[in-house]
Amino acid sequence: MNGYPWAAFGEGVGAAAAAALAVMLITFAVACARGLHRIVDIAWGAAFALVALVSYAVSSGEGDDARRLLVTVLTVVWGVRLAAHIAYRGRGRGEDPRYEKMLSGARGNRNLYALCTVYLLQGALVLLVSLPVQAAQYIPGPLGPVAWVGAAVWLVGLAFEAVGDWQLARFTSDPAHRGRIMDRGLWSWTRHPNYFGDFCVWWGLFLIVCDDPVAAAATVAGPVVMSLLLTKGSGKRLLERHMADRPGFAEYAGRTSGFFPLPPKRAPRADG
């Protein structure tokens, strides 16, 4: 099949699976010791970073060195930034209400339930979503124009995510804004600049694989699954359900794009 080293790629997937599983099991042990399952959110970004590093290590001598280094660095930068941001944001806080609600309905041992429904599931998702990062390590040809477009899309995504998180942190740190909806900066163009940023990051990483159409077709499930998670799963949909009853949210949602950045709608003019 088009000269792609599928056997080596398969072995790399096995190594990546072991890395993702190790991160989740270590995080689970720490979470049980602390009685705080919210730290699994920190492991999400960290697991992607480790998968990229392991994939880079085990693919030595297989693919184009420039592509291998590019996709690894981009993934590690994204994963480490996300993990550090979530760790800083959650310092000193108790359990996340999402996990508290989920685990309150558990039958039997809560920790075992969390292991199966949170940690192992997230580990499997890390493995699936990161397939383009793993596949890029084995593409022998040099980087083409589409790959560089992918790097540019990744950069746009990281900027949206990092700037959006910074703007939100500044807004919420001001006591005068307590209880108010963040509707400034990037948040006036999209209700979820951080999720849109993730969307761009993973489609950008996928484009780096597209120099090999067969490898791209085999791994397109990665960005598709991430997109569904961001828009229909634990991202936008779940967060907006949680915020729906907050004062001012309906008005904010009425004038602000739900996902893709667009100029905010003008408030209707009162007749006079």
Protein backbone atom coordinates (compact mmCIF):
# COMPACT_ATOMS: atom_id res chain seq x y z
CA MET A 1 0.00 0.00 0.00
CA ASN A 2 1.84 3.09 -1.45
CA GLY A 3 5.15 2.17 0.23
CA TYR A 4 4.07 3.38 3.65
CA PRO A 5 5.70 1.26 6.44
CA TRP A 6 2.46 -0.03 7.95
CA ALA A 7 4.14 -2.72 10.05
CA ALA A 8 6.41 -0.19 11.73
CA PHE A 9 3.46 2.16 12.19
CA GLY A 10 1.52 -0.64 13.88
CA GLU A 11 4.36 -1.21 16.32
CA GLY A 12 4.44 2.53 16.97
CA VAL A 13 0.72 2.53 17.76
CA GLY A 14 1.37 -0.17 20.35
CA ALA A 15 4.08 1.95 21.99
CA ALA A 16 1.78 4.99 21.92
CA ALA A 17 -1.01 2.98 23.55
CA ALA A 18 1.35 1.92 26.33
CA ALA A 19 2.38 5.55 26.89
CA ALA A 20 -1.22 6.81 27.05
CA LEU A 21 -2.18 4.00 29.41
CA ALA A 22 0.79 4.71 31.70
CA VAL A 23 -0.14 8.39 32.01
CA MET A 24 -3.73 7.56 32.86
CA LEU A 25 -2.90 4.84 35.40
CA ILE A 26 -0.35 7.03 37.17
CA THR A 27 -2.84 9.89 37.23
CA PHE A 28 -5.52 7.55 38.56
CA ALA A 29 -3.26 6.46 41.42
CA VAL A 30 -2.47 10.09 42.32
CA ALA A 31 -6.15 11.06 42.07
CA CYS A 32 -7.22 8.23 44.40
CA ALA A 33 -4.55 9.22 46.92
CA ARG A 34 -5.71 12.84 46.87
CA GLY A 35 -9.42 12.09 46.49
CA LEU A 36 -9.53 14.46 43.51
CA HIS A 37 -10.37 13.12 40.06
CA ARG A 38 -10.28 16.53 38.39
CA ILE A 39 -6.52 16.10 37.86
CA VAL A 40 -7.31 13.77 34.97
CA ASP A 41 -7.86 16.96 32.95
CA ILE A 42 -4.18 17.78 33.43
CA ALA A 43 -3.28 14.31 32.16
CA TRP A 44 -5.18 14.91 28.90
CA GLY A 45 -2.61 17.31 27.48
CA ALA A 46 0.30 15.51 29.13
CA ALA A 47 -0.72 12.20 27.54
CA PHE A 48 -0.70 13.70 24.04
CA ALA A 49 2.74 15.15 24.65
CA LEU A 50 4.13 11.81 25.85
CA VAL A 51 2.52 9.93 22.94
CA ALA A 52 4.23 12.31 20.51
CA LEU A 53 7.60 11.89 22.20
CA VAL A 54 7.31 8.09 22.31
CA SER A 55 6.20 7.98 18.67
CA TYR A 56 9.18 10.11 17.70
CA ALA A 57 11.57 7.86 19.60
CA VAL A 58 10.31 4.53 18.24
CA SER A 59 10.12 5.80 14.63
CA SER A 60 13.79 6.73 14.46
CA GLY A 61 15.15 5.95 10.99
CA GLU A 62 11.70 5.46 9.44
CA GLY A 63 10.34 8.80 8.20
CA ASP A 64 11.44 12.25 7.12
CA ASP A 65 13.32 13.81 10.04
CA ALA A 66 11.93 17.31 9.45
CA ARG A 67 8.33 16.09 9.49
CA ARG A 68 8.93 13.91 12.55
CA LEU A 69 10.46 16.79 14.48
CA LEU A 70 7.81 19.29 13.37
CA VAL A 71 4.79 17.20 14.33
CA THR A 72 6.39 16.18 17.63
CA VAL A 73 7.31 19.71 18.69
CA LEU A 74 3.88 21.09 17.76
CA THR A 75 2.09 18.38 19.72
CA VAL A 76 4.32 18.69 22.79
CA VAL A 77 4.00 22.48 22.87
CA TRP A 78 0.20 22.23 22.67
CA GLY A 79 -0.04 19.42 25.25
CA VAL A 80 2.34 20.95 27.81
CA ARG A 81 0.71 24.40 27.55
CA LEU A 82 -2.75 22.90 28.05
CA ALA A 83 -1.66 20.74 31.00
CA ALA A 84 0.11 23.67 32.67
CA HIS A 85 -2.86 25.97 32.16
CA ILE A 86 -5.34 23.49 33.64
CA ALA A 87 -3.03 22.76 36.58
CA TYR A 88 -2.64 26.47 37.34
CA ARG A 89 -6.37 27.17 36.92
CA GLY A 90 -7.36 24.34 39.26
CA ARG A 91 -4.88 24.98 42.07
CA GLY A 92 -6.50 24.98 45.50
CA ARG A 93 -9.91 23.91 44.19
CA GLY A 94 -11.97 20.90 45.16
CA GLU A 95 -13.54 18.30 42.92
CA ASP A 96 -14.89 19.35 39.54
CA PRO A 97 -18.72 19.39 39.62
CA ARG A 98 -18.78 17.33 36.40
CA TYR A 99 -16.91 14.44 37.99
CA GLU A 100 -18.76 14.80 41.28
CA LYS A 101 -22.07 14.45 39.45
CA MET A 102 -20.83 11.54 37.35
CA LEU A 103 -19.40 9.60 40.27
CA SER A 104 -22.36 10.26 42.56
CA GLY A 105 -24.40 7.83 40.50
CA ALA A 106 -21.77 5.10 40.54
CA ARG A 107 -22.77 1.65 41.74
CA GLY A 108 -20.13 0.02 43.84
CA ASN A 109 -16.62 1.40 44.12
CA ARG A 110 -16.45 5.02 42.93
CA ASN A 111 -12.77 4.84 42.07
CA LEU A 112 -13.15 1.72 39.98
CA TYR A 113 -16.07 3.33 38.19
CA ALA A 114 -13.93 6.41 37.52
CA LEU A 115 -11.09 4.23 36.20
CA CYS A 116 -13.36 2.60 33.61
CA THR A 117 -15.51 5.56 32.58
CA VAL A 118 -12.99 8.41 32.77
CA TYR A 119 -9.33 7.36 32.77
CA LEU A 120 -9.37 4.38 30.40
CA LEU A 121 -11.82 6.14 28.10
CA GLN A 122 -9.63 9.23 27.93
CA GLY A 123 -6.58 7.08 27.29
CA ALA A 124 -8.35 5.44 24.34
CA LEU A 125 -9.39 8.84 23.00
CA VAL A 126 -5.82 10.12 23.26
CA LEU A 127 -4.64 7.15 21.20
CA LEU A 128 -7.35 7.66 18.56
CA VAL A 129 -7.10 11.45 18.26
CA SER A 130 -3.30 11.34 18.04
CA LEU A 131 -3.24 8.90 15.10
CA PRO A 132 -2.16 11.64 12.65
CA VAL A 133 0.75 12.56 14.93
CA GLN A 134 1.80 8.92 15.04
CA ALA A 135 1.37 8.38 11.29
CA ALA A 136 3.36 11.50 10.37
CA GLN A 137 6.45 9.95 11.96
CA TYR A 138 6.64 7.31 9.21
CA ILE A 139 6.05 9.35 6.03
CA PRO A 140 9.31 9.19 4.06
CA GLY A 141 8.77 12.13 1.69
CA PRO A 142 9.77 15.73 2.45
CA LEU A 143 7.36 18.31 3.80
CA GLY A 144 5.08 19.72 1.11
CA PRO A 145 3.00 22.90 0.91
CA VAL A 146 -0.03 21.28 2.56
CA ALA A 147 2.07 20.34 5.58
CA TRP A 148 3.21 23.94 6.00
CA VAL A 149 -0.39 25.10 5.71
CA GLY A 150 -1.11 22.64 8.51
CA ALA A 151 1.60 24.22 10.66
CA ALA A 152 0.03 27.64 10.03
CA VAL A 153 -3.44 26.36 10.98
CA TRP A 154 -1.91 24.86 14.14
CA LEU A 155 -0.40 28.26 15.00
CA VAL A 156 -3.76 30.00 14.56
CA GLY A 157 -5.32 27.41 16.83
CA LEU A 158 -2.70 27.73 19.54
CA ALA A 159 -3.04 31.52 19.46
CA PHE A 160 -6.82 31.35 19.84
CA GLU A 161 -6.54 28.88 22.69
CA ALA A 162 -3.76 30.64 24.60
CA VAL A 163 -5.10 34.17 24.13
CA GLY A 164 -8.65 33.09 24.95
CA ASP A 165 -7.51 31.38 28.15
CA TRP A 166 -5.44 34.44 29.13
CA GLN A 167 -8.33 36.83 28.50
CA LEU A 168 -10.73 34.68 30.51
CA ALA A 169 -8.27 34.36 33.41
CA ARG A 170 -7.82 38.14 33.58
CA PHE A 171 -11.58 38.69 33.45
CA THR A 172 -12.44 36.20 36.20
CA SER A 173 -9.63 37.40 38.47
CA ASP A 174 -11.35 40.78 38.83
CA PRO A 175 -13.86 40.64 41.73
CA ALA A 176 -16.00 43.22 39.91
CA HIS A 177 -16.74 40.62 37.24
CA ARG A 178 -18.04 37.97 39.64
CA GLY A 179 -21.17 36.36 38.20
CA ARG A 180 -20.80 38.13 34.84
CA ILE A 181 -20.44 36.50 31.42
CA MET A 182 -17.10 36.97 29.67
CA ASP A 183 -17.95 38.72 26.39
CA ARG A 184 -14.77 40.61 25.53
CA GLY A 185 -11.83 40.10 23.20
CA LEU A 186 -11.95 36.79 21.37
CA TRP A 187 -14.97 35.87 23.49
CA SER A 188 -17.01 38.49 21.63
CA TRP A 189 -16.36 36.67 18.35
CA THR A 190 -16.92 33.10 19.53
CA ARG A 191 -18.34 31.67 22.74
CA HIS A 192 -15.51 29.12 22.78
CA PRO A 193 -12.17 30.49 21.49
CA ASN A 194 -10.30 27.78 23.39
CA TYR A 195 -12.33 24.97 21.83
CA PHE A 196 -12.06 26.55 18.38
CA GLY A 197 -8.31 26.71 18.99
CA ASP A 198 -8.20 22.98 19.75
CA PHE A 199 -10.18 22.36 16.57
CA CYS A 200 -7.58 24.23 14.48
CA VAL A 201 -4.65 22.57 16.27
CA TRP A 202 -5.80 19.06 15.44
CA TRP A 203 -6.87 19.74 11.87
CA GLY A 204 -3.53 21.49 11.41
CA LEU A 205 -1.64 18.45 12.68
CA PHE A 206 -3.73 16.27 10.36
CA LEU A 207 -2.72 18.37 7.34
CA ILE A 208 0.91 17.50 8.06
CA VAL A 209 -0.02 13.89 7.23
CA CYS A 210 -1.79 14.80 3.99
CA ASP A 211 1.39 14.61 1.90
CA ASP A 212 0.58 10.89 1.99
CA PRO A 213 -3.11 10.54 0.99
CA VAL A 214 -3.40 6.93 2.13
CA ALA A 215 -1.97 7.66 5.59
CA ALA A 216 -4.27 10.68 5.79
CA ALA A 217 -7.33 8.60 4.93
CA ALA A 218 -6.33 6.02 7.55
CA THR A 219 -6.02 8.62 10.32
CA VAL A 220 -8.71 11.22 9.55
CA ALA A 221 -10.80 9.75 12.38
CA GLY A 222 -8.45 11.57 14.80
CA PRO A 223 -9.45 15.18 14.03
CA VAL A 224 -13.05 14.12 13.33
CA VAL A 225 -13.37 12.60 16.81
CA MET A 226 -11.73 15.66 18.40
CA SER A 227 -14.15 17.93 16.53
CA LEU A 228 -17.12 15.92 17.79
CA LEU A 229 -15.80 16.02 21.35
CA LEU A 230 -15.41 19.79 21.16
CA THR A 231 -18.81 20.52 19.63
CA LYS A 232 -21.11 17.65 20.59
CA GLY A 233 -19.42 15.90 23.52
CA SER A 234 -17.70 17.14 26.66
CA GLY A 235 -16.81 20.55 25.22
CA LYS A 236 -19.23 23.19 23.93
CA ARG A 237 -22.48 21.30 24.50
CA LEU A 238 -21.77 20.31 28.11
CA LEU A 239 -20.39 23.72 29.09
CA GLU A 240 -23.31 25.62 27.61
CA ARG A 241 -25.78 23.34 29.34
CA HIS A 242 -24.04 24.21 32.61
CA MET A 243 -24.12 27.95 31.83
CA ALA A 244 -27.62 28.16 30.38
CA ASP A 245 -29.24 29.51 33.57
CA ARG A 246 -26.59 32.13 34.30
CA PRO A 247 -27.81 35.75 34.07
CA GLY A 248 -26.93 37.29 30.72
CA PHE A 249 -25.95 34.07 28.97
CA ALA A 250 -28.99 33.96 26.65
CA GLU A 251 -28.28 37.51 25.45
CA TYR A 252 -24.59 36.68 25.00
CA ALA A 253 -25.43 33.54 23.02
CA GLY A 254 -27.82 35.52 20.86
CA ARG A 255 -25.13 37.92 19.63
CA THR A 256 -22.04 35.69 19.64
CA SER A 257 -21.11 32.84 17.30
CA GLY A 258 -21.38 29.42 18.88
CA PHE A 259 -18.06 28.10 17.61
CA PHE A 260 -16.43 29.57 14.49
CA PRO A 261 -15.30 33.19 15.03
CA LEU A 262 -17.62 35.77 13.47
CA PRO A 263 -18.19 39.48 14.11
CA PRO A 264 -20.66 39.90 16.99
CA LYS A 265 -24.23 40.69 16.04
CA ARG A 266 -25.46 44.17 16.84
CA ALA A 267 -28.14 44.54 19.45
CA PRO A 268 -31.54 45.39 17.91
CA ARG A 269 -32.26 49.12 17.92
CA ALA A 270 -35.14 50.25 20.05
CA ASP A 271 -37.92 52.09 18.19
CA GLY A 272 -38.15 55.66 19.20
